[in-house]
Amino acid sequence: MNRRHFMASAGCFVPAALSRFRFSDAPPSDSRLKVGLDLRHSVVTVPRDFLGLGYEISSVARPGLLSGQNSAYVRLVRTLGHHGVIRVGGNTSDYASYSQNGFPVSSPEDKAGSVVNDAVLRDLGRFLDATGWQLIWGLNLGRGSLENAIAEAKAVTRRTGDHLLAFEIGNEPDLFSRAHRQTNYGYDDYLREFRSFREALRESIPGISFAGPDVAVATPWVRKFATDEGKNITLLTHHYYRGGARNPQSTIDELLHLDPKLTAMLAELASTSESSGVPYRICETNSFSGGGKPGVSDTFGAALWVLDFMFTLACAGCAGVNMETGVNQLGFISSYSIIGDDEQGHYWAAPGYYGMLAFAQAATGQILGCSMEETDRDIKAYATRPDRNHVVLTGINKERSSDSTLVLERDASSSFRTGTAIRLLGPSIESKSGITLGGAKVSQAGSWEPVEIKEIARTNGRFEVPLPRASAVIVTLHS
């Protein structure tokens, strides 16, 4: 990954967004927001495998789900991109076991324990073949044995081959004192156990790769782990949720507004990654932990959040992000699922999927410096350069009742002849359906193509685009 030093001042976190096709009335002049581009300043290059999905190991234990034969599901993943990362782990991984010929069991955490066998791992390998995506696999450190972990790792390696990116050892070990260990369990205890597993796995599987420490909240563990194990791992991993599903404050407004904890966490992770030379990935994340909050995590507001969240991570030098989807550790399909699942073999693009899909269209190549005049509105703008002849400007307006207009400064506008735009739209910020990108829904077969691409002309030497409330736009500028 071609990373540059993380700079909060680089312009990745400043406001802007664009317009709806049905938006006709020009907004008042005081809502015009000037945007500047620094075409000479590259903040970071977005890795081609930045996008990812995250699954509890109990999902893999469901035969036929992550399978090359599940054509609609394969298409939904491939529509997001031809390169990505599947991460299998979650709370259920620290209760799970491997049995070569045993019966597969999908179990919530702290119950019987999920069981994966060779058949479901063979399906997973074919699923990865069909999608072209890579794999991070979590091994049971919480309640499993070293012998079973070695057998499982051998089976995963055998069935997934070149798609295997790394193994994690233990899920959220910074919380082990709550479930798997004594209350005084700390980082040194985890490091000792990790090294014991690592050495044994290396002896059994030459060339095996590792990631970690896969913490929930203890960001300082990542810096310690990078110092202690940086030469033995390929990836630093951390989790993130905006809050908990049961918290009354877990609302759409809470989700859409900046989380200061995230800003501090990313700054520390970027610094650790820069000093250690090991990339970091947010390998388990979504809106609210515990499966998400109905009426919040499954709305158009979540789509806008996902798009902004992914750009925020990319600007912070993150190597990638795995959005949780499907069955959760409690045994039901999460409200925040990226891919909807009725557990009867029907799958669809949920609201968060559209945020990921928009990011996939907008965030290729280099992220450029982007600035905007100061405003108290919750509006963001990001700029990328996919190639020498194009710049893509993404605007996100998370305001419920404030329309605006994006005005690209003359010096940047002069570099481009024309522009085209597609919109990310929903009936309302609370809508659970009716969401479109480029005027099109993702089909039942899992495919998508934009049908509304609007030309943006220069006005008085500038590009000006109306920016309505609760929407996002991807503008491609052509030189």
Protein backbone atom coordinates (compact mmCIF):
# COMPACT_ATOMS: atom_id res chain seq x y z
CA MET A 1 0.00 0.00 0.00
CA ASN A 2 1.31 3.44 -0.97
CA ARG A 3 0.61 5.33 2.24
CA ARG A 4 1.37 8.90 3.17
CA HIS A 5 1.58 10.34 6.66
CA PHE A 6 -1.89 10.90 8.12
CA MET A 7 -2.77 14.60 8.12
CA ALA A 8 -6.04 15.83 9.58
CA SER A 9 -5.41 19.12 7.81
CA ALA A 10 -5.29 17.49 4.40
CA GLY A 11 -8.89 18.39 3.70
CA CYS A 12 -10.44 14.94 3.94
CA PHE A 13 -12.69 15.89 6.82
CA VAL A 14 -14.14 19.15 5.55
CA PRO A 15 -17.67 19.75 4.20
CA ALA A 16 -19.63 19.50 0.90
CA ALA A 17 -22.14 17.48 -1.21
CA LEU A 18 -24.32 17.60 -4.37
CA SER A 19 -27.81 17.32 -5.86
CA ARG A 20 -31.06 15.49 -6.66
CA PHE A 21 -32.52 15.32 -10.14
CA ARG A 22 -35.86 16.59 -8.87
CA PHE A 23 -34.24 19.51 -7.07
CA SER A 24 -35.36 22.57 -9.03
CA ASP A 25 -35.47 25.66 -6.84
CA ALA A 26 -32.12 27.37 -6.38
CA PRO A 27 -31.15 27.60 -2.71
CA PRO A 28 -30.53 31.00 -1.12
CA SER A 29 -27.16 32.59 -1.82
CA ASP A 30 -25.94 32.20 1.75
CA SER A 31 -26.04 28.39 1.35
CA ARG A 32 -23.43 28.37 -1.41
CA LEU A 33 -20.30 26.53 -0.26
CA LYS A 34 -16.99 27.05 -2.03
CA VAL A 35 -14.80 23.98 -2.49
CA GLY A 36 -11.12 23.99 -3.40
CA LEU A 37 -9.01 21.14 -4.75
CA ASP A 38 -5.27 20.71 -4.39
CA LEU A 39 -4.52 18.80 -7.58
CA ARG A 40 -0.84 18.53 -6.65
CA HIS A 41 -1.34 17.04 -3.19
CA SER A 42 -2.07 13.33 -2.78
CA VAL A 43 -3.11 12.47 0.78
CA VAL A 44 -3.09 8.69 0.32
CA THR A 45 -3.69 5.96 -2.25
CA VAL A 46 -6.77 3.83 -1.63
CA PRO A 47 -5.77 0.13 -1.62
CA ARG A 48 -7.65 -1.88 -4.22
CA ASP A 49 -8.78 -4.36 -1.53
CA PHE A 50 -9.99 -1.61 0.82
CA LEU A 51 -13.59 -2.85 0.83
CA GLY A 52 -14.49 -5.80 2.98
CA LEU A 53 -17.31 -7.69 4.64
CA GLY A 54 -17.23 -9.26 8.09
CA TYR A 55 -18.94 -12.43 9.27
CA GLU A 56 -19.36 -14.32 12.49
CA ILE A 57 -17.92 -17.80 12.15
CA SER A 58 -21.49 -18.99 12.76
CA SER A 59 -22.32 -17.63 9.27
CA VAL A 60 -19.74 -19.90 7.65
CA ALA A 61 -21.24 -22.82 9.56
CA ARG A 62 -24.51 -22.28 7.65
CA PRO A 63 -24.18 -24.54 4.58
CA GLY A 64 -24.81 -22.85 1.27
CA LEU A 65 -24.43 -19.22 2.39
CA LEU A 66 -20.80 -18.41 1.55
CA SER A 67 -20.75 -20.78 -1.38
CA GLY A 68 -19.76 -20.46 -5.01
CA GLN A 69 -23.18 -21.90 -5.84
CA ASN A 70 -24.98 -19.01 -4.12
CA SER A 71 -25.10 -16.97 -7.35
CA ALA A 72 -27.06 -13.96 -6.06
CA TYR A 73 -24.81 -13.59 -3.04
CA VAL A 74 -21.68 -13.95 -5.18
CA ARG A 75 -22.98 -11.27 -7.55
CA LEU A 76 -23.77 -8.88 -4.68
CA VAL A 77 -20.18 -9.18 -3.46
CA ARG A 78 -18.66 -8.85 -6.93
CA THR A 79 -20.79 -5.77 -7.64
CA LEU A 80 -18.97 -4.07 -4.77
CA GLY A 81 -15.64 -4.83 -6.44
CA HIS A 82 -13.42 -7.50 -7.90
CA HIS A 83 -10.96 -7.13 -5.02
CA GLY A 84 -11.88 -7.17 -1.35
CA VAL A 85 -11.45 -8.99 1.94
CA ILE A 86 -13.81 -11.33 3.79
CA ARG A 87 -13.11 -11.50 7.50
CA VAL A 88 -14.49 -14.45 9.48
CA GLY A 89 -14.36 -14.19 13.26
CA GLY A 90 -16.55 -12.37 15.76
CA ASN A 91 -17.55 -13.37 19.26
CA THR A 92 -18.71 -16.79 18.08
CA SER A 93 -15.18 -17.66 16.91
CA ASP A 94 -14.02 -17.93 20.54
CA TYR A 95 -16.67 -20.61 21.17
CA ALA A 96 -16.26 -22.44 17.85
CA SER A 97 -14.42 -25.59 16.84
CA TYR A 98 -13.39 -27.50 13.73
CA SER A 99 -14.42 -31.08 12.97
CA GLN A 100 -13.30 -32.52 9.63
CA ASN A 101 -16.37 -34.66 9.04
CA GLY A 102 -18.61 -33.39 11.83
CA PHE A 103 -22.07 -31.90 11.38
CA PRO A 104 -21.89 -28.10 10.86
CA VAL A 105 -23.47 -26.09 13.67
CA SER A 106 -24.32 -22.38 13.62
CA SER A 107 -24.59 -21.31 17.24
CA PRO A 108 -24.84 -18.00 19.10
CA GLU A 109 -22.04 -17.14 21.49
CA ASP A 110 -21.91 -18.89 24.85
CA LYS A 111 -24.20 -21.72 23.66
CA ALA A 112 -23.21 -25.10 22.19
CA GLY A 113 -20.56 -23.47 20.02
CA SER A 114 -20.44 -23.29 16.22
CA VAL A 115 -18.81 -26.16 14.35
CA VAL A 116 -17.19 -25.83 10.91
CA ASN A 117 -16.25 -28.84 8.84
CA ASP A 118 -14.44 -29.53 5.59
CA ALA A 119 -17.64 -29.21 3.54
CA VAL A 120 -18.39 -25.62 4.57
CA LEU A 121 -14.71 -24.68 4.22
CA ARG A 122 -14.72 -26.16 0.71
CA ASP A 123 -17.77 -24.00 -0.06
CA LEU A 124 -15.96 -20.96 1.34
CA GLY A 125 -12.97 -21.62 -0.90
CA ARG A 126 -15.22 -21.78 -3.96
CA PHE A 127 -16.98 -18.60 -2.85
CA LEU A 128 -13.61 -16.83 -2.70
CA ASP A 129 -12.76 -18.24 -6.13
CA ALA A 130 -16.03 -16.87 -7.51
CA THR A 131 -15.66 -13.41 -5.97
CA GLY A 132 -11.88 -13.03 -6.20
CA TRP A 133 -11.79 -11.74 -2.60
CA GLN A 134 -9.23 -12.58 0.10
CA LEU A 135 -9.78 -14.00 3.59
CA ILE A 136 -8.88 -13.16 7.19
CA TRP A 137 -9.80 -16.07 9.50
CA GLY A 138 -10.11 -15.90 13.28
CA LEU A 139 -8.99 -18.82 15.45
CA ASN A 140 -10.43 -19.70 18.85
CA LEU A 141 -8.15 -18.42 21.61
CA GLY A 142 -10.93 -17.76 24.12
CA ARG A 143 -12.09 -21.31 24.80
CA GLY A 144 -10.40 -23.49 22.21
CA SER A 145 -7.42 -25.79 22.27
CA LEU A 146 -4.16 -25.28 20.43
CA GLU A 147 -4.53 -28.70 18.81
CA ASN A 148 -7.94 -27.83 17.33
CA ALA A 149 -6.67 -24.42 16.20
CA ILE A 150 -3.84 -26.09 14.29
CA ALA A 151 -6.23 -28.58 12.65
CA GLU A 152 -8.60 -25.74 11.74
CA ALA A 153 -5.83 -23.55 10.34
CA LYS A 154 -4.56 -26.42 8.20
CA ALA A 155 -8.06 -27.03 6.84
CA VAL A 156 -8.66 -23.34 6.11
CA THR A 157 -5.28 -23.09 4.39
CA ARG A 158 -5.97 -26.19 2.32
CA ARG A 159 -9.44 -25.07 1.22
CA THR A 160 -8.84 -21.35 0.59
CA GLY A 161 -5.28 -21.40 -0.82
CA ASP A 162 -4.02 -18.16 -2.32
CA HIS A 163 -7.06 -16.25 -1.06
CA LEU A 164 -5.86 -16.54 2.53
CA LEU A 165 -4.47 -13.23 3.73
CA ALA A 166 -3.90 -13.89 7.45
CA PHE A 167 -5.07 -15.62 10.62
CA GLU A 168 -6.14 -13.76 13.74
CA ILE A 169 -5.71 -15.44 17.11
CA GLY A 170 -8.59 -14.56 19.40
CA ASN A 171 -11.42 -12.06 18.94
CA GLU A 172 -11.34 -8.87 21.05
CA PRO A 173 -8.83 -10.19 23.60
CA ASP A 174 -8.95 -6.83 25.41
CA LEU A 175 -12.42 -7.95 26.59
CA PHE A 176 -11.40 -11.48 27.59
CA SER A 177 -11.63 -10.53 31.27
CA ARG A 178 -15.41 -10.28 30.80
CA ALA A 179 -15.94 -13.74 29.32
CA HIS A 180 -12.96 -16.04 28.87
CA ARG A 181 -10.33 -15.17 31.49
CA GLN A 182 -9.91 -13.84 35.00
CA THR A 183 -10.73 -10.21 35.67
CA ASN A 184 -7.05 -9.19 35.84
CA TYR A 185 -6.30 -10.50 32.32
CA GLY A 186 -4.26 -7.91 30.43
CA TYR A 187 -2.09 -7.27 27.41
CA ASP A 188 0.94 -9.22 28.70
CA ASP A 189 -1.26 -12.28 29.25
CA TYR A 190 -2.61 -12.01 25.71
CA LEU A 191 0.86 -11.56 24.21
CA ARG A 192 2.10 -14.69 25.95
CA GLU A 193 -0.84 -16.74 24.67
CA PHE A 194 -0.61 -15.27 21.16
CA ARG A 195 3.07 -16.18 20.92
CA SER A 196 2.41 -19.72 22.09
CA PHE A 197 -0.21 -20.20 19.35
CA ARG A 198 1.88 -18.38 16.74
CA GLU A 199 4.96 -20.53 17.23
CA ALA A 200 3.01 -23.78 17.18
CA LEU A 201 1.08 -22.75 14.07
CA ARG A 202 4.28 -21.73 12.29
CA GLU A 203 5.86 -25.09 12.98
CA SER A 204 2.81 -26.85 11.54
CA ILE A 205 2.08 -24.53 8.58
CA PRO A 206 5.17 -23.05 6.89
CA GLY A 207 4.60 -19.55 5.51
CA ILE A 208 1.51 -18.86 7.61
CA SER A 209 0.62 -15.16 8.06
CA PHE A 210 -0.89 -13.44 11.08
CA ALA A 211 -2.87 -10.30 11.92
CA GLY A 212 -3.75 -8.80 15.27
CA PRO A 213 -4.36 -7.87 18.01
CA ASP A 214 -8.02 -7.57 16.88
CA VAL A 215 -9.02 -5.40 19.83
CA ALA A 216 -12.47 -3.99 20.55
CA VAL A 217 -11.51 -0.70 22.21
CA ALA A 218 -7.98 -0.89 23.66
CA THR A 219 -6.12 1.07 20.98
CA PRO A 220 -2.91 1.23 23.12
CA TRP A 221 -2.72 -2.57 22.75
CA VAL A 222 -2.19 -2.04 19.02
CA ARG A 223 0.88 0.13 19.57
CA LYS A 224 2.33 -2.38 22.05
CA PHE A 225 1.54 -5.25 19.70
CA ALA A 226 3.19 -3.48 16.75
CA THR A 227 6.33 -3.07 18.86
CA ASP A 228 6.32 -6.65 20.15
CA GLU A 229 5.07 -8.52 17.08
CA GLY A 230 5.48 -6.11 14.15
CA LYS A 231 8.06 -8.38 12.48
CA ASN A 232 5.76 -11.39 12.75
CA ILE A 233 2.50 -9.98 11.40
CA THR A 234 1.23 -8.61 8.10
CA LEU A 235 -1.64 -6.51 9.43
CA LEU A 236 -2.71 -4.62 12.56
CA THR A 237 -6.42 -5.04 13.33
CA HIS A 238 -8.95 -3.09 15.39
CA HIS A 239 -12.75 -2.98 15.74
CA TYR A 240 -15.11 0.00 15.88
CA TYR A 241 -18.79 0.66 16.60
CA ARG A 242 -20.41 4.06 17.04
CA GLY A 243 -22.14 2.80 20.18
CA GLY A 244 -24.40 0.07 21.50
CA ALA A 245 -27.79 -0.90 20.08
CA ARG A 246 -29.48 -0.78 23.50
CA ASN A 247 -28.36 2.75 24.28
CA PRO A 248 -31.28 5.24 23.96
CA GLN A 249 -28.79 7.72 22.49
CA SER A 250 -28.09 5.43 19.54
CA THR A 251 -30.16 7.45 17.08
CA ILE A 252 -29.78 8.44 13.44
CA ASP A 253 -28.59 11.88 14.50
CA GLU A 254 -25.99 10.31 16.80
CA LEU A 255 -24.80 8.06 13.98
CA LEU A 256 -24.49 10.85 11.43
CA HIS A 257 -22.52 13.25 13.60
CA LEU A 258 -18.76 13.02 14.01
CA ASP A 259 -17.54 10.70 16.74
CA PRO A 260 -14.54 12.33 18.46
CA LYS A 261 -13.45 8.93 19.74
CA LEU A 262 -13.08 7.74 16.15
CA THR A 263 -10.89 10.72 15.25
CA ALA A 264 -8.54 10.03 18.17
CA MET A 265 -8.49 6.29 17.51
CA LEU A 266 -7.57 6.72 13.83
CA ALA A 267 -4.84 9.23 14.63
CA GLU A 268 -3.23 6.75 17.05
CA LEU A 269 -3.59 3.84 14.63
CA ALA A 270 -2.14 5.85 11.75
CA SER A 271 0.82 6.88 13.89
CA THR A 272 1.41 3.28 14.98
CA SER A 273 1.19 2.04 11.42
CA GLU A 274 3.56 4.71 10.17
CA SER A 275 6.19 4.01 12.83
CA SER A 276 5.99 0.21 12.57
CA GLY A 277 5.59 -0.08 8.82
CA VAL A 278 2.64 -2.45 9.30
CA PRO A 279 -0.70 -1.44 7.70
CA TYR A 280 -3.83 -1.37 9.86
CA ARG A 281 -7.37 -2.46 9.08
CA ILE A 282 -10.69 -1.88 10.83
CA CYS A 283 -11.64 -5.52 10.44
CA GLU A 284 -14.96 -5.51 12.32
CA THR A 285 -17.29 -2.53 12.30
CA ASN A 286 -20.75 -1.18 11.68
CA SER A 287 -23.15 1.32 13.22
CA PHE A 288 -24.16 0.00 16.66
CA SER A 289 -22.91 -3.19 18.31
CA GLY A 290 -25.32 -5.95 19.27
CA GLY A 291 -26.71 -6.32 15.76
CA GLY A 292 -27.53 -2.69 15.13
CA LYS A 293 -30.63 -0.69 16.02
CA PRO A 294 -33.83 -1.21 14.00
CA GLY A 295 -35.06 2.04 12.51
CA VAL A 296 -31.53 3.45 12.58
CA SER A 297 -29.00 0.93 11.29
CA ASP A 298 -31.30 -0.20 8.45
CA THR A 299 -32.17 3.24 7.03
CA PHE A 300 -30.94 5.56 4.32
CA GLY A 301 -29.19 7.51 7.05
CA ALA A 302 -26.95 4.47 7.55
CA ALA A 303 -26.07 4.52 3.83
CA LEU A 304 -24.88 8.13 4.13
CA TRP A 305 -22.94 7.21 7.27
CA VAL A 306 -21.23 4.25 5.60
CA LEU A 307 -20.09 6.39 2.67
CA ASP A 308 -18.70 9.12 4.93
CA PHE A 309 -17.20 6.58 7.37
CA MET A 310 -15.29 4.78 4.64
CA PHE A 311 -13.83 8.01 3.31
CA THR A 312 -12.87 8.99 6.85
CA LEU A 313 -10.95 5.73 7.26
CA ALA A 314 -9.31 5.99 3.86
CA CYS A 315 -8.13 9.53 4.57
CA ALA A 316 -6.58 8.27 7.80
CA GLY A 317 -4.35 5.84 5.92
CA CYS A 318 -6.43 2.78 6.82
CA ALA A 319 -5.68 -0.30 4.69
CA GLY A 320 -9.32 -1.36 4.63
CA VAL A 321 -12.59 -1.93 6.43
CA ASN A 322 -14.79 -4.98 7.01
CA MET A 323 -18.47 -4.09 7.44
CA GLU A 324 -20.30 -6.68 9.52
CA THR A 325 -23.26 -8.38 7.88
CA GLY A 326 -25.52 -11.40 8.30
CA VAL A 327 -26.15 -13.44 11.43
CA ASN A 328 -24.64 -11.91 14.55
CA GLN A 329 -23.24 -13.33 17.77
CA LEU A 330 -26.76 -13.41 19.25
CA GLY A 331 -28.08 -15.65 16.47
CA PHE A 332 -30.25 -13.31 14.38
CA ILE A 333 -29.70 -11.30 11.19
CA SER A 334 -28.36 -7.89 12.16
CA SER A 335 -30.28 -4.69 11.42
CA TYR A 336 -27.04 -3.21 10.15
CA SER A 337 -26.48 -6.00 7.61
CA ILE A 338 -24.95 -4.81 4.38
CA ILE A 339 -26.53 -7.72 2.51
CA GLY A 340 -30.11 -8.46 3.52
CA ASP A 341 -31.00 -12.08 4.28
CA ASP A 342 -34.43 -13.54 5.06
CA GLU A 343 -32.83 -16.89 5.98
CA GLN A 344 -34.94 -18.49 3.24
CA GLY A 345 -32.38 -18.11 0.46
CA HIS A 346 -33.28 -14.57 -0.58
CA TYR A 347 -30.67 -11.79 -0.48
CA TRP A 348 -30.73 -8.09 -1.34
CA ALA A 349 -28.79 -4.86 -1.11
CA ALA A 350 -29.64 -3.29 2.26
CA PRO A 351 -29.23 0.48 2.86
CA GLY A 352 -25.63 0.18 4.02
CA TYR A 353 -24.78 -1.66 0.81
CA TYR A 354 -25.56 1.48 -1.19
CA GLY A 355 -23.07 3.44 0.91
CA MET A 356 -20.39 0.84 0.16
CA LEU A 357 -21.34 0.77 -3.52
CA ALA A 358 -21.09 4.56 -3.74
CA PHE A 359 -17.65 4.45 -2.14
CA ALA A 360 -16.57 1.77 -4.61
CA GLN A 361 -17.53 4.07 -7.50
CA ALA A 362 -15.86 7.15 -6.04
CA ALA A 363 -12.76 6.05 -4.15
CA THR A 364 -10.21 4.67 -6.57
CA GLY A 365 -6.69 5.91 -7.05
CA GLN A 366 -5.36 8.79 -4.99
CA ILE A 367 -7.24 10.88 -2.45
CA LEU A 368 -6.51 14.55 -3.10
CA GLY A 369 -6.41 17.56 -0.82
CA CYS A 370 -9.89 19.09 -0.62
CA SER A 371 -10.94 22.16 1.36
CA MET A 372 -14.15 24.08 1.94
CA GLU A 373 -15.11 27.32 3.58
CA GLU A 374 -16.14 27.00 7.21
CA THR A 375 -19.73 26.00 7.87
CA ASP A 376 -21.72 24.66 10.81
CA ARG A 377 -23.59 22.23 8.54
CA ASP A 378 -22.90 18.50 8.53
CA ILE A 379 -21.69 18.38 4.94
CA LYS A 380 -18.56 16.65 3.67
CA ALA A 381 -16.52 16.63 0.47
CA TYR A 382 -13.80 14.25 -0.69
CA ALA A 383 -11.78 14.23 -3.90
CA THR A 384 -9.99 11.39 -5.64
CA ARG A 385 -7.94 11.06 -8.81
CA PRO A 386 -8.48 7.67 -10.49
CA ASP A 387 -6.26 8.59 -13.44
CA ARG A 388 -4.50 11.57 -15.07
CA ASN A 389 -7.59 12.83 -16.92
CA HIS A 390 -10.25 12.68 -14.22
CA VAL A 391 -10.98 13.85 -10.70
CA VAL A 392 -13.94 12.52 -8.73
CA LEU A 393 -15.59 14.79 -6.18
CA THR A 394 -17.92 13.14 -3.67
CA GLY A 395 -20.31 15.23 -1.64
CA ILE A 396 -22.33 14.04 1.34
CA ASN A 397 -25.07 16.14 2.93
CA LYS A 398 -26.20 14.60 6.23
CA GLU A 399 -28.44 17.54 7.15
CA ARG A 400 -32.17 16.83 7.53
CA SER A 401 -33.44 20.26 6.44
CA SER A 402 -30.59 22.26 4.94
CA ASP A 403 -30.04 22.46 1.18
CA SER A 404 -26.98 24.04 -0.33
CA THR A 405 -24.91 24.43 -3.49
CA LEU A 406 -21.41 23.20 -4.09
CA VAL A 407 -19.26 25.74 -5.96
CA LEU A 408 -15.92 24.54 -7.26
CA GLU A 409 -13.34 27.32 -7.16
CA ARG A 410 -12.25 28.87 -10.48
CA ASP A 411 -8.67 27.62 -10.30
CA ALA A 412 -9.83 24.01 -9.99
CA SER A 413 -12.70 24.41 -12.48
CA SER A 414 -10.33 25.68 -15.16
CA SER A 415 -8.57 22.30 -15.21
CA PHE A 416 -11.70 20.52 -16.42
CA ARG A 417 -13.96 20.82 -19.48
CA THR A 418 -17.04 18.90 -18.36
CA GLY A 419 -18.48 16.97 -15.46
CA THR A 420 -20.98 14.17 -14.93
CA ALA A 421 -22.83 13.24 -11.76
CA ILE A 422 -24.70 10.32 -10.21
CA ARG A 423 -26.75 10.68 -7.05
CA LEU A 424 -27.24 8.54 -3.94
CA LEU A 425 -30.87 9.17 -2.99
CA GLY A 426 -33.56 7.93 -0.64
CA PRO A 427 -37.17 9.00 -0.02
CA SER A 428 -36.12 10.24 3.43
CA ILE A 429 -33.31 9.79 5.88
CA GLU A 430 -35.45 7.24 7.77
CA SER A 431 -36.36 5.24 4.64
CA LYS A 432 -35.58 1.53 4.59
CA SER A 433 -36.34 1.07 0.89
CA GLY A 434 -36.53 3.08 -2.32
CA ILE A 435 -32.80 3.86 -2.23
CA THR A 436 -31.04 4.38 -5.55
CA LEU A 437 -27.56 5.14 -6.84
CA GLY A 438 -27.40 6.71 -10.28
CA GLY A 439 -31.18 6.33 -10.50
CA ALA A 440 -30.98 2.54 -10.22
CA LYS A 441 -31.57 -0.06 -7.56
CA VAL A 442 -29.39 -3.12 -7.15
CA SER A 443 -31.25 -5.91 -8.92
CA GLN A 444 -32.55 -9.10 -7.32
CA ALA A 445 -29.73 -10.89 -9.11
CA GLY A 446 -27.21 -8.62 -7.37
CA SER A 447 -26.13 -6.46 -10.31
CA TRP A 448 -26.18 -2.66 -10.72
CA GLU A 449 -25.70 -0.12 -13.50
CA PRO A 450 -26.46 3.63 -13.28
CA VAL A 451 -29.32 4.84 -15.49
CA GLU A 452 -29.25 8.55 -14.60
CA ILE A 453 -25.96 10.28 -15.31
CA LYS A 454 -26.34 14.04 -15.43
CA GLU A 455 -23.96 16.40 -17.22
CA ILE A 456 -22.64 19.24 -15.08
CA ALA A 457 -21.79 22.39 -17.02
CA ARG A 458 -19.59 25.29 -16.00
CA THR A 459 -21.43 28.47 -15.02
CA ASN A 460 -19.47 31.73 -15.04
CA GLY A 461 -16.25 29.72 -15.14
CA ARG A 462 -17.25 27.52 -12.17
CA PHE A 463 -18.90 24.18 -11.65
CA GLU A 464 -22.02 24.70 -9.52
CA VAL A 465 -24.30 21.90 -8.35
CA PRO A 466 -27.34 22.15 -6.05
CA LEU A 467 -26.81 20.24 -2.84
CA PRO A 468 -30.07 19.13 -1.20
CA ARG A 469 -30.57 17.74 2.26
CA ALA A 470 -29.98 14.03 3.02
CA SER A 471 -28.24 13.03 -0.18
CA ALA A 472 -24.88 12.33 -1.71
CA VAL A 473 -23.43 12.87 -5.17
CA ILE A 474 -20.44 11.56 -7.08
CA VAL A 475 -19.18 14.05 -9.68
CA THR A 476 -16.59 12.99 -12.24
CA LEU A 477 -14.66 15.93 -13.72
CA HIS A 478 -13.19 15.40 -17.17
CA SER A 479 -10.09 17.31 -18.30
